[in-house]
N, C-alpha and C. Protein backbone atom coordinates (compact mmCIF):
# COMPACT_ATOMS: atom_id res chain seq x y z
N MET A 1 9.66 5.59 17.25
CA MET A 1 8.83 5.45 16.10
C MET A 1 7.29 5.60 16.43
N ASN A 2 6.67 6.23 15.43
CA ASN A 2 5.19 6.31 15.54
C ASN A 2 4.45 5.21 15.44
N GLU A 3 3.31 5.25 16.31
CA GLU A 3 2.45 4.13 16.28
C GLU A 3 1.60 4.29 14.87
N GLN A 4 1.26 2.92 14.40
CA GLN A 4 0.42 3.05 13.20
C GLN A 4 -0.82 3.49 13.41
N LYS A 5 -1.48 4.26 12.48
CA LYS A 5 -2.82 4.82 12.69
C LYS A 5 -3.79 3.63 11.95
N ILE A 6 -4.88 3.29 12.66
CA ILE A 6 -5.77 2.37 12.26
C ILE A 6 -7.25 2.95 12.45
N LEU A 7 -7.92 2.68 11.23
CA LEU A 7 -9.30 2.93 11.34
C LEU A 7 -10.25 1.76 10.97
N PHE A 8 -11.07 1.56 11.90
CA PHE A 8 -12.10 0.35 11.74
C PHE A 8 -13.29 1.07 11.09
N VAL A 9 -13.52 0.89 9.69
CA VAL A 9 -14.46 1.56 9.05
C VAL A 9 -15.90 0.82 9.37
N ASP A 10 -15.89 -0.39 9.42
CA ASP A 10 -17.19 -1.15 9.74
C ASP A 10 -16.73 -2.51 10.17
N GLU A 11 -17.47 -3.50 10.46
CA GLU A 11 -17.08 -4.80 10.74
C GLU A 11 -16.23 -5.48 9.64
N ASP A 12 -16.24 -5.01 8.45
CA ASP A 12 -15.69 -5.79 7.37
C ASP A 12 -14.35 -5.29 6.73
N ILE A 13 -14.32 -3.70 7.02
CA ILE A 13 -13.32 -2.84 6.53
C ILE A 13 -12.39 -2.38 7.51
N LEU A 14 -11.00 -2.50 7.16
CA LEU A 14 -9.96 -1.79 8.08
C LEU A 14 -9.07 -0.99 7.17
N LEU A 15 -8.82 0.15 7.81
CA LEU A 15 -7.65 0.94 6.95
C LEU A 15 -6.60 1.04 8.06
N ARG A 16 -5.23 0.74 7.63
CA ARG A 16 -4.23 0.73 8.61
C ARG A 16 -2.98 1.49 7.75
N GLU A 17 -2.34 2.23 8.36
CA GLU A 17 -1.21 2.92 7.78
C GLU A 17 -0.24 1.83 7.19
N ILE A 18 0.36 1.97 6.09
CA ILE A 18 1.23 0.98 5.46
C ILE A 18 2.32 0.70 6.43
N GLY A 19 3.02 -0.53 6.33
CA GLY A 19 4.04 -0.80 7.18
C GLY A 19 4.84 -1.98 6.31
N MET A 20 6.06 -2.20 6.83
CA MET A 20 6.87 -3.31 6.18
C MET A 20 6.09 -4.59 6.21
N GLU A 21 5.19 -4.96 7.04
CA GLU A 21 4.47 -6.21 7.05
C GLU A 21 3.51 -6.29 5.88
N ASP A 22 3.30 -5.31 5.04
CA ASP A 22 2.40 -5.29 3.83
C ASP A 22 3.06 -5.45 2.64
N VAL A 23 4.55 -5.48 2.70
CA VAL A 23 5.11 -5.59 1.30
C VAL A 23 4.75 -6.90 0.58
N ALA A 24 4.75 -8.02 1.16
CA ALA A 24 4.40 -9.08 0.34
C ALA A 24 2.97 -9.03 -0.29
N SER A 25 2.01 -8.68 0.59
CA SER A 25 0.73 -8.68 0.07
C SER A 25 0.59 -7.73 -1.17
N ILE A 26 1.25 -6.37 -1.02
CA ILE A 26 1.19 -5.30 -2.14
C ILE A 26 1.74 -5.95 -3.31
N PHE A 27 3.05 -6.73 -3.13
CA PHE A 27 3.71 -7.26 -4.29
C PHE A 27 3.05 -8.38 -4.99
N ASN A 28 2.43 -9.25 -4.21
CA ASN A 28 1.77 -10.40 -4.72
C ASN A 28 0.49 -10.08 -5.56
N THR A 29 -0.22 -8.95 -4.92
CA THR A 29 -1.43 -8.48 -5.74
C THR A 29 -1.07 -7.92 -6.95
N ILE A 30 -0.11 -7.00 -6.95
CA ILE A 30 0.63 -6.46 -8.29
C ILE A 30 0.90 -7.58 -9.30
N ASP A 31 1.77 -8.55 -8.77
CA ASP A 31 2.16 -9.45 -9.80
C ASP A 31 1.02 -10.40 -10.15
N THR A 32 0.07 -10.67 -9.31
CA THR A 32 -1.17 -11.54 -9.78
C THR A 32 -2.21 -10.82 -10.68
N HIS A 33 -2.18 -9.54 -10.62
CA HIS A 33 -3.02 -8.80 -11.43
C HIS A 33 -2.36 -7.72 -12.34
N ARG A 34 -1.21 -8.19 -12.75
CA ARG A 34 -0.26 -7.18 -13.53
C ARG A 34 -0.94 -6.61 -14.73
N GLU A 35 -1.48 -7.47 -15.49
CA GLU A 35 -1.97 -6.90 -16.76
C GLU A 35 -3.04 -6.06 -16.65
N TYR A 36 -4.02 -6.46 -15.70
CA TYR A 36 -5.26 -5.47 -15.41
C TYR A 36 -4.71 -4.11 -14.88
N MET A 37 -3.84 -4.25 -13.74
CA MET A 37 -3.59 -2.90 -13.01
C MET A 37 -2.69 -2.04 -13.85
N ALA A 38 -1.78 -2.61 -14.87
CA ALA A 38 -1.02 -1.81 -15.71
C ALA A 38 -1.63 -0.70 -16.52
N GLU A 39 -2.93 -1.07 -16.78
CA GLU A 39 -3.76 -0.07 -17.76
C GLU A 39 -3.88 1.25 -16.84
N TRP A 40 -3.79 1.33 -15.62
CA TRP A 40 -4.02 2.47 -14.89
C TRP A 40 -2.83 2.98 -13.99
N LEU A 41 -1.95 1.98 -13.61
CA LEU A 41 -0.90 2.37 -12.77
C LEU A 41 0.44 2.25 -13.37
N PRO A 42 1.15 3.40 -13.58
CA PRO A 42 2.45 3.30 -14.35
C PRO A 42 3.49 2.52 -13.60
N PHE A 43 3.46 2.39 -12.41
CA PHE A 43 4.65 1.70 -11.58
C PHE A 43 4.64 0.40 -11.91
N VAL A 44 3.48 -0.22 -12.19
CA VAL A 44 3.31 -1.82 -12.39
C VAL A 44 4.38 -2.43 -13.32
N GLU A 45 4.72 -1.78 -14.31
CA GLU A 45 5.76 -2.23 -15.28
C GLU A 45 7.13 -2.49 -14.61
N LEU A 46 7.38 -1.39 -13.63
CA LEU A 46 8.59 -1.38 -12.96
C LEU A 46 8.65 -2.34 -11.76
N THR A 47 7.56 -2.81 -11.36
CA THR A 47 7.55 -3.71 -10.17
C THR A 47 7.70 -5.11 -10.61
N THR A 48 9.00 -5.35 -10.82
CA THR A 48 9.22 -6.87 -11.31
C THR A 48 9.74 -7.84 -10.36
N ASP A 49 9.98 -7.22 -9.07
CA ASP A 49 10.31 -8.21 -8.06
C ASP A 49 9.98 -7.31 -6.70
N ILE A 50 10.08 -8.16 -5.42
CA ILE A 50 9.55 -7.60 -4.21
C ILE A 50 10.42 -6.49 -3.68
N SER A 51 11.61 -6.28 -4.27
CA SER A 51 12.50 -5.32 -3.77
C SER A 51 11.89 -3.91 -4.04
N PHE A 52 11.33 -3.79 -5.28
CA PHE A 52 10.75 -2.48 -5.57
C PHE A 52 9.59 -2.22 -4.74
N THR A 53 8.81 -3.03 -4.23
CA THR A 53 7.78 -2.72 -3.23
C THR A 53 8.39 -2.43 -1.81
N CYS A 54 9.38 -3.13 -1.56
CA CYS A 54 9.93 -2.91 -0.23
C CYS A 54 10.66 -1.56 -0.17
N THR A 55 11.18 -1.09 -1.24
CA THR A 55 11.74 0.29 -1.25
C THR A 55 10.66 1.33 -1.23
N PHE A 56 9.68 1.10 -1.93
CA PHE A 56 8.60 2.06 -1.81
C PHE A 56 7.97 2.22 -0.43
N VAL A 57 7.87 1.09 0.36
CA VAL A 57 7.32 1.22 1.76
C VAL A 57 8.43 1.77 2.60
N GLU A 58 9.70 1.30 2.55
CA GLU A 58 10.75 2.01 3.30
C GLU A 58 10.72 3.45 3.00
N ASN A 59 10.66 3.97 1.79
CA ASN A 59 10.65 5.42 1.46
C ASN A 59 9.59 6.12 2.29
N TYR A 60 8.44 5.57 2.19
CA TYR A 60 7.27 6.22 2.86
C TYR A 60 7.60 6.19 4.27
N LEU A 61 7.91 5.12 5.02
CA LEU A 61 8.25 5.07 6.36
C LEU A 61 9.34 5.98 6.83
N ASN A 62 10.36 6.35 6.06
CA ASN A 62 11.39 7.26 6.30
C ASN A 62 11.12 8.59 5.95
N ALA A 63 10.13 8.94 5.24
CA ALA A 63 10.00 10.38 4.69
C ALA A 63 9.69 11.31 5.91
N GLU A 64 10.11 12.34 5.88
CA GLU A 64 9.94 13.49 6.81
C GLU A 64 8.50 13.94 6.72
N VAL A 65 8.00 14.13 5.45
CA VAL A 65 6.69 14.54 5.43
C VAL A 65 5.97 13.45 4.57
N LYS A 66 4.91 13.03 5.08
CA LYS A 66 4.15 11.70 4.50
C LYS A 66 2.89 12.09 4.00
N ASP A 67 2.48 11.83 2.69
CA ASP A 67 1.08 11.76 2.20
C ASP A 67 0.65 10.32 2.66
N PHE A 68 -0.42 10.61 3.63
CA PHE A 68 -0.93 9.37 4.15
C PHE A 68 -1.26 8.31 3.31
N THR A 69 -0.59 7.20 3.39
CA THR A 69 -0.95 5.83 2.65
C THR A 69 -1.22 4.77 3.70
N CYS A 70 -2.41 4.03 3.20
CA CYS A 70 -2.82 2.83 4.13
C CYS A 70 -3.25 1.83 3.29
N VAL A 71 -3.16 0.61 3.96
CA VAL A 71 -3.64 -0.53 3.33
C VAL A 71 -5.15 -0.75 3.61
N ILE A 72 -5.85 -1.43 2.69
CA ILE A 72 -7.28 -1.66 2.89
C ILE A 72 -7.41 -3.15 3.05
N TYR A 73 -8.03 -3.45 4.16
CA TYR A 73 -8.43 -5.10 4.33
C TYR A 73 -9.85 -5.11 4.34
N PHE A 74 -10.33 -5.98 3.63
CA PHE A 74 -11.80 -6.46 3.65
C PHE A 74 -11.98 -7.72 3.99
N ARG A 75 -12.59 -8.04 5.21
CA ARG A 75 -12.85 -9.24 5.80
C ARG A 75 -11.57 -10.01 5.90
N GLN A 76 -10.68 -9.09 6.56
CA GLN A 76 -9.27 -9.52 6.93
C GLN A 76 -8.36 -10.14 5.74
N GLN A 77 -8.80 -9.72 4.59
CA GLN A 77 -7.91 -10.02 3.29
C GLN A 77 -7.56 -8.66 2.72
N PHE A 78 -6.28 -8.57 2.45
CA PHE A 78 -5.72 -7.53 1.70
C PHE A 78 -6.42 -7.05 0.55
N ALA A 79 -6.89 -5.91 0.46
CA ALA A 79 -7.78 -5.39 -0.77
C ALA A 79 -7.35 -4.37 -1.54
N GLY A 80 -6.17 -3.56 -1.02
CA GLY A 80 -5.62 -2.52 -1.86
C GLY A 80 -4.89 -1.52 -0.95
N LEU A 81 -4.65 -0.38 -1.60
CA LEU A 81 -3.91 0.72 -1.00
C LEU A 81 -4.77 2.02 -1.20
N LEU A 82 -4.71 2.91 -0.32
CA LEU A 82 -5.43 4.13 -0.35
C LEU A 82 -4.37 5.12 -0.01
N GLY A 83 -3.99 6.15 -0.86
CA GLY A 83 -3.07 7.15 -0.72
C GLY A 83 -3.88 8.68 -0.69
N LEU A 84 -3.55 9.46 0.25
CA LEU A 84 -4.09 10.70 0.27
C LEU A 84 -2.90 11.69 -0.01
N LYS A 85 -3.04 12.40 -1.07
CA LYS A 85 -2.07 13.36 -1.66
C LYS A 85 -2.29 14.84 -1.12
N ASP A 86 -1.18 15.46 -0.71
CA ASP A 86 -1.39 16.90 -0.43
C ASP A 86 -1.53 17.58 -1.80
N THR A 87 -2.44 18.65 -1.93
CA THR A 87 -2.79 19.36 -3.11
C THR A 87 -2.16 20.61 -3.18
N ASP A 88 -1.50 21.11 -2.07
CA ASP A 88 -0.86 22.41 -2.05
C ASP A 88 0.47 22.27 -2.58
């Protein structure tokens, strides 16, 4: 298994490749801010329980070709996701 990629942006911000340890934070953020996030993110409506988020992360980790996806931590608190998509 490959090592997770980590980038320390500054003393407050950390970017780390997504992993199974992030599933609860991702789901809880979606669930807590569902109405606000649904305006821009079509998958929010489908994310009704943590298994959806678990499957998303598992699919990312098991993909042969990955569009880099990382979690954003601000002052050691989960702040969101960042995904870089291939445009070719």
